[in-house]
Amino acid sequence: MHFHIKTPDGEAQVWLDGLRVKENSGVSKRAMKQALAWAAGNADALAAIFNQLNPGIAK
């Protein structure tokens, strides 16, 4: 499971498991740090949304 971070300067993909960055194309360190801090407190909600949007994908 992963989620996307989109900023005016770029986009990144982050694995929910351990909040590891999968790919980063232009997201600043500051924006990444802020997004990862938010994601750490909202991991359950992110997982639920991922599962809603991607039914049938192994968890």
PDB file of N, CA and C in Angstrom:
ATOM      1  N   MET A   1       0.837  -1.172   0.000  1.00  0.00           N
ATOM      2  CA  MET A   1       0.000   0.000   0.000  1.00  0.00           C
ATOM      3  C   MET A   1       0.886   1.240   0.000  1.00  0.00           C
ATOM      4  N   HIS A   2       0.463   2.229  -0.736  1.00  0.00           N
ATOM      5  CA  HIS A   2       1.221   3.473  -0.806  1.00  0.00           C
ATOM      6  C   HIS A   2       0.266   4.651  -0.967  1.00  0.00           C
ATOM      7  N   PHE A   3       0.806   5.844  -0.783  1.00  0.00           N
ATOM      8  CA  PHE A   3       0.047   7.060  -1.040  1.00  0.00           C
ATOM      9  C   PHE A   3       0.951   8.036  -1.780  1.00  0.00           C
ATOM     10  N   HIS A   4       0.338   9.051  -2.338  1.00  0.00           N
ATOM     11  CA  HIS A   4       1.060  10.049  -3.119  1.00  0.00           C
ATOM     12  C   HIS A   4       1.101  11.374  -2.371  1.00  0.00           C
ATOM     13  N   ILE A   5       2.212  12.057  -2.495  1.00  0.00           N
ATOM     14  CA  ILE A   5       2.360  13.426  -2.011  1.00  0.00           C
ATOM     15  C   ILE A   5       2.511  14.284  -3.252  1.00  0.00           C
ATOM     16  N   LYS A   6       1.631  15.268  -3.407  1.00  0.00           N
ATOM     17  CA  LYS A   6       1.710  16.165  -4.563  1.00  0.00           C
ATOM     18  C   LYS A   6       1.885  17.590  -4.066  1.00  0.00           C
ATOM     19  N   THR A   7       2.879  18.260  -4.633  1.00  0.00           N
ATOM     20  CA  THR A   7       3.136  19.665  -4.332  1.00  0.00           C
ATOM     21  C   THR A   7       3.247  20.405  -5.665  1.00  0.00           C
ATOM     22  N   PRO A   8       3.261  21.729  -5.636  1.00  0.00           N
ATOM     23  CA  PRO A   8       3.442  22.462  -6.898  1.00  0.00           C
ATOM     24  C   PRO A   8       4.765  22.122  -7.595  1.00  0.00           C
ATOM     25  N   ASP A   9       5.736  21.639  -6.820  1.00  0.00           N
ATOM     26  CA  ASP A   9       7.061  21.373  -7.378  1.00  0.00           C
ATOM     27  C   ASP A   9       7.309  19.920  -7.777  1.00  0.00           C
ATOM     28  N   GLY A  10       6.435  19.010  -7.352  1.00  0.00           N
ATOM     29  CA  GLY A  10       6.689  17.613  -7.685  1.00  0.00           C
ATOM     30  C   GLY A  10       5.712  16.663  -7.046  1.00  0.00           C
ATOM     31  N   GLU A  11       6.064  15.393  -7.126  1.00  0.00           N
ATOM     32  CA  GLU A  11       5.221  14.323  -6.593  1.00  0.00           C
ATOM     33  C   GLU A  11       6.110  13.229  -6.027  1.00  0.00           C
ATOM     34  N   ALA A  12       5.612  12.574  -4.988  1.00  0.00           N
ATOM     35  CA  ALA A  12       6.321  11.446  -4.390  1.00  0.00           C
ATOM     36  C   ALA A  12       5.318  10.345  -4.081  1.00  0.00           C
ATOM     37  N   GLN A  13       5.829   9.122  -3.999  1.00  0.00           N
ATOM     38  CA  GLN A  13       5.048   7.975  -3.563  1.00  0.00           C
ATOM     39  C   GLN A  13       5.724   7.430  -2.307  1.00  0.00           C
ATOM     40  N   VAL A  14       4.885   7.090  -1.332  1.00  0.00           N
ATOM     41  CA  VAL A  14       5.400   6.624  -0.045  1.00  0.00           C
ATOM     42  C   VAL A  14       4.687   5.334   0.326  1.00  0.00           C
ATOM     43  N   TRP A  15       5.459   4.299   0.686  1.00  0.00           N
ATOM     44  CA  TRP A  15       4.879   3.056   1.182  1.00  0.00           C
ATOM     45  C   TRP A  15       4.291   3.319   2.558  1.00  0.00           C
ATOM     46  N   LEU A  16       3.100   2.804   2.820  1.00  0.00           N
ATOM     47  CA  LEU A  16       2.505   2.961   4.150  1.00  0.00           C
ATOM     48  C   LEU A  16       3.288   2.173   5.195  1.00  0.00           C
ATOM     49  N   ASP A  17       3.801   1.023   4.808  1.00  0.00           N
ATOM     50  CA  ASP A  17       4.581   0.207   5.725  1.00  0.00           C
ATOM     51  C   ASP A  17       5.906   0.903   6.023  1.00  0.00           C
ATOM     52  N   GLY A  18       6.014   1.498   7.169  1.00  0.00           N
ATOM     53  CA  GLY A  18       7.249   2.161   7.572  1.00  0.00           C
ATOM     54  C   GLY A  18       7.430   3.558   7.019  1.00  0.00           C
ATOM     55  N   LEU A  19       6.440   4.043   6.263  1.00  0.00           N
ATOM     56  CA  LEU A  19       6.507   5.384   5.651  1.00  0.00           C
ATOM     57  C   LEU A  19       7.824   5.585   4.906  1.00  0.00           C
ATOM     58  N   ARG A  20       8.155   4.594   4.092  1.00  0.00           N
ATOM     59  CA  ARG A  20       9.381   4.658   3.289  1.00  0.00           C
ATOM     60  C   ARG A  20       9.070   5.286   1.937  1.00  0.00           C
ATOM     61  N   VAL A  21       9.917   6.197   1.501  1.00  0.00           N
ATOM     62  CA  VAL A  21       9.726   6.869   0.219  1.00  0.00           C
ATOM     63  C   VAL A  21      10.041   5.892  -0.907  1.00  0.00           C
ATOM     64  N   LYS A  22       9.060   5.695  -1.770  1.00  0.00           N
ATOM     65  CA  LYS A  22       9.212   4.800  -2.919  1.00  0.00           C
ATOM     66  C   LYS A  22       9.843   5.545  -4.078  1.00  0.00           C
ATOM     67  N   GLU A  23       9.391   6.763  -4.301  1.00  0.00           N
ATOM     68  CA  GLU A  23       9.861   7.575  -5.423  1.00  0.00           C
ATOM     69  C   GLU A  23       9.625   9.038  -5.091  1.00  0.00           C
ATOM     70  N   ASN A  24      10.551   9.899  -5.463  1.00  0.00           N
ATOM     71  CA  ASN A  24      10.397  11.337  -5.234  1.00  0.00           C
ATOM     72  C   ASN A  24      10.884  12.094  -6.459  1.00  0.00           C
ATOM     73  N   SER A  25       9.987  12.877  -7.019  1.00  0.00           N
ATOM     74  CA  SER A  25      10.320  13.709  -8.182  1.00  0.00           C
ATOM     75  C   SER A  25      10.010  15.162  -7.860  1.00  0.00           C
ATOM     76  N   GLY A  26      10.862  15.777  -7.053  1.00  0.00           N
ATOM     77  CA  GLY A  26      10.763  17.207  -6.826  1.00  0.00           C
ATOM     78  C   GLY A  26      10.129  17.680  -5.536  1.00  0.00           C
ATOM     79  N   VAL A  27       9.644  16.781  -4.679  1.00  0.00           N
ATOM     80  CA  VAL A  27       9.076  17.213  -3.400  1.00  0.00           C
ATOM     81  C   VAL A  27      10.233  17.615  -2.487  1.00  0.00           C
ATOM     82  N   SER A  28      10.148  18.816  -1.932  1.00  0.00           N
ATOM     83  CA  SER A  28      11.230  19.327  -1.092  1.00  0.00           C
ATOM     84  C   SER A  28      11.341  18.537   0.209  1.00  0.00           C
ATOM     85  N   LYS A  29      12.508  18.613   0.829  1.00  0.00           N
ATOM     86  CA  LYS A  29      12.716  17.935   2.109  1.00  0.00           C
ATOM     87  C   LYS A  29      11.724  18.429   3.154  1.00  0.00           C
ATOM     88  N   ARG A  30      11.478  19.717   3.156  1.00  0.00           N
ATOM     89  CA  ARG A  30      10.540  20.300   4.135  1.00  0.00           C
ATOM     90  C   ARG A  30       9.128  19.766   3.920  1.00  0.00           C
ATOM     91  N   ALA A  31       8.654  19.769   2.680  1.00  0.00           N
ATOM     92  CA  ALA A  31       7.318  19.272   2.378  1.00  0.00           C
ATOM     93  C   ALA A  31       7.219  17.784   2.689  1.00  0.00           C
ATOM     94  N   MET A  32       8.270  17.032   2.382  1.00  0.00           N
ATOM     95  CA  MET A  32       8.282  15.605   2.669  1.00  0.00           C
ATOM     96  C   MET A  32       8.186  15.362   4.164  1.00  0.00           C
ATOM     97  N   LYS A  33       8.966  16.096   4.937  1.00  0.00           N
ATOM     98  CA  LYS A  33       8.953  15.943   6.386  1.00  0.00           C
ATOM     99  C   LYS A  33       7.562  16.233   6.946  1.00  0.00           C
ATOM    100  N   GLN A  34       6.928  17.290   6.472  1.00  0.00           N
ATOM    101  CA  GLN A  34       5.587  17.640   6.934  1.00  0.00           C
ATOM    102  C   GLN A  34       4.575  16.567   6.553  1.00  0.00           C
ATOM    103  N   ALA A  35       4.640  16.085   5.333  1.00  0.00           N
ATOM    104  CA  ALA A  35       3.695  15.067   4.867  1.00  0.00           C
ATOM    105  C   ALA A  35       3.875  13.758   5.630  1.00  0.00           C
ATOM    106  N   LEU A  36       5.116  13.365   5.861  1.00  0.00           N
ATOM    107  CA  LEU A  36       5.369  12.125   6.584  1.00  0.00           C
ATOM    108  C   LEU A  36       4.926  12.225   8.040  1.00  0.00           C
ATOM    109  N   ALA A  37       5.093  13.393   8.644  1.00  0.00           N
ATOM    110  CA  ALA A  37       4.617  13.590  10.018  1.00  0.00           C
ATOM    111  C   ALA A  37       3.102  13.467  10.074  1.00  0.00           C
ATOM    112  N   TRP A  38       2.418  14.059   9.096  1.00  0.00           N
ATOM    113  CA  TRP A  38       0.960  13.948   9.040  1.00  0.00           C
ATOM    114  C   TRP A  38       0.557  12.492   8.824  1.00  0.00           C
ATOM    115  N   ALA A  39       1.220  11.813   7.899  1.00  0.00           N
ATOM    116  CA  ALA A  39       0.883  10.428   7.579  1.00  0.00           C
ATOM    117  C   ALA A  39       1.088   9.517   8.783  1.00  0.00           C
ATOM    118  N   ALA A  40       2.105   9.778   9.586  1.00  0.00           N
ATOM    119  CA  ALA A  40       2.366   8.949  10.761  1.00  0.00           C
ATOM    120  C   ALA A  40       1.177   8.965  11.714  1.00  0.00           C
ATOM    121  N   GLY A  41       0.515  10.086  11.820  1.00  0.00           N
ATOM    122  CA  GLY A  41      -0.650  10.196  12.695  1.00  0.00           C
ATOM    123  C   GLY A  41      -1.946   9.767  12.051  1.00  0.00           C
ATOM    124  N   ASN A  42      -1.915   9.469  10.767  1.00  0.00           N
ATOM    125  CA  ASN A  42      -3.127   9.126  10.027  1.00  0.00           C
ATOM    126  C   ASN A  42      -2.984   7.844   9.219  1.00  0.00           C
ATOM    127  N   ALA A  43      -2.074   6.970   9.633  1.00  0.00           N
ATOM    128  CA  ALA A  43      -1.785   5.755   8.867  1.00  0.00           C
ATOM    129  C   ALA A  43      -3.007   4.853   8.725  1.00  0.00           C
ATOM    130  N   ASP A  44      -3.806   4.725   9.775  1.00  0.00           N
ATOM    131  CA  ASP A  44      -4.989   3.866   9.689  1.00  0.00           C
ATOM    132  C   ASP A  44      -5.985   4.407   8.674  1.00  0.00           C
ATOM    133  N   ALA A  45      -6.186   5.718   8.671  1.00  0.00           N
ATOM    134  CA  ALA A  45      -7.103   6.333   7.709  1.00  0.00           C
ATOM    135  C   ALA A  45      -6.570   6.180   6.288  1.00  0.00           C
ATOM    136  N   LEU A  46      -5.281   6.350   6.096  1.00  0.00           N
ATOM    137  CA  LEU A  46      -4.683   6.178   4.773  1.00  0.00           C
ATOM    138  C   LEU A  46      -4.855   4.747   4.280  1.00  0.00           C
ATOM    139  N   ALA A  47      -4.652   3.776   5.165  1.00  0.00           N
ATOM    140  CA  ALA A  47      -4.819   2.376   4.783  1.00  0.00           C
ATOM    141  C   ALA A  47      -6.266   2.086   4.407  1.00  0.00           C
ATOM    142  N   ALA A  48      -7.208   2.632   5.169  1.00  0.00           N
ATOM    143  CA  ALA A  48      -8.624   2.416   4.868  1.00  0.00           C
ATOM    144  C   ALA A  48      -8.993   3.013   3.512  1.00  0.00           C
ATOM    145  N   ILE A  49      -8.494   4.205   3.231  1.00  0.00           N
ATOM    146  CA  ILE A  49      -8.776   4.842   1.943  1.00  0.00           C
ATOM    147  C   ILE A  49      -8.141   4.049   0.810  1.00  0.00           C
ATOM    148  N   PHE A  50      -6.905   3.602   1.002  1.00  0.00           N
ATOM    149  CA  PHE A  50      -6.250   2.788  -0.025  1.00  0.00           C
ATOM    150  C   PHE A  50      -7.091   1.550  -0.326  1.00  0.00           C
ATOM    151  N   ASN A  51      -7.554   0.873   0.719  1.00  0.00           N
ATOM    152  CA  ASN A  51      -8.347  -0.342   0.532  1.00  0.00           C
ATOM    153  C   ASN A  51      -9.673  -0.059  -0.154  1.00  0.00           C
ATOM    154  N   GLN A  52     -10.282   1.091   0.127  1.00  0.00           N
ATOM    155  CA  GLN A  52     -11.523   1.490  -0.556  1.00  0.00           C
ATOM    156  C   GLN A  52     -11.278   1.709  -2.033  1.00  0.00           C
ATOM    157  N   LEU A  53     -10.197   2.380  -2.350  1.00  0.00           N
ATOM    158  CA  LEU A  53      -9.903   2.735  -3.748  1.00  0.00           C
ATOM    159  C   LEU A  53      -9.306   1.585  -4.540  1.00  0.00           C
ATOM    160  N   ASN A  54      -8.790   0.576  -3.852  1.00  0.00           N
ATOM    161  CA  ASN A  54      -8.117  -0.540  -4.518  1.00  0.00           C
ATOM    162  C   ASN A  54      -8.649  -1.870  -4.017  1.00  0.00           C
ATOM    163  N   PRO A  55      -9.933  -2.142  -4.196  1.00  0.00           N
ATOM    164  CA  PRO A  55     -10.473  -3.407  -3.704  1.00  0.00           C
ATOM    165  C   PRO A  55      -9.802  -4.594  -4.397  1.00  0.00           C
ATOM    166  N   GLY A  56      -9.561  -5.624  -3.627  1.00  0.00           N
ATOM    167  CA  GLY A  56      -8.984  -6.843  -4.181  1.00  0.00           C
ATOM    168  C   GLY A  56      -7.475  -6.899  -4.166  1.00  0.00           C
ATOM    169  N   ILE A  57      -6.817  -5.796  -3.860  1.00  0.00           N
ATOM    170  CA  ILE A  57      -5.347  -5.811  -3.771  1.00  0.00           C
ATOM    171  C   ILE A  57      -4.961  -6.340  -2.398  1.00  0.00           C
ATOM    172  N   ALA A  58      -4.018  -7.257  -2.373  1.00  0.00           N
ATOM    173  CA  ALA A  58      -3.578  -7.851  -1.108  1.00  0.00           C
ATOM    174  C   ALA A  58      -3.071  -6.783  -0.171  1.00  0.00           C
ATOM    175  N   LYS A  59      -3.414  -6.929   1.082  1.00  0.00           N
ATOM    176  CA  LYS A  59      -3.030  -5.931   2.094  1.00  0.00           C
ATOM    177  C   LYS A  59      -1.696  -6.254   2.685  1.00  0.00           C
TER     178      LYS A  59
END
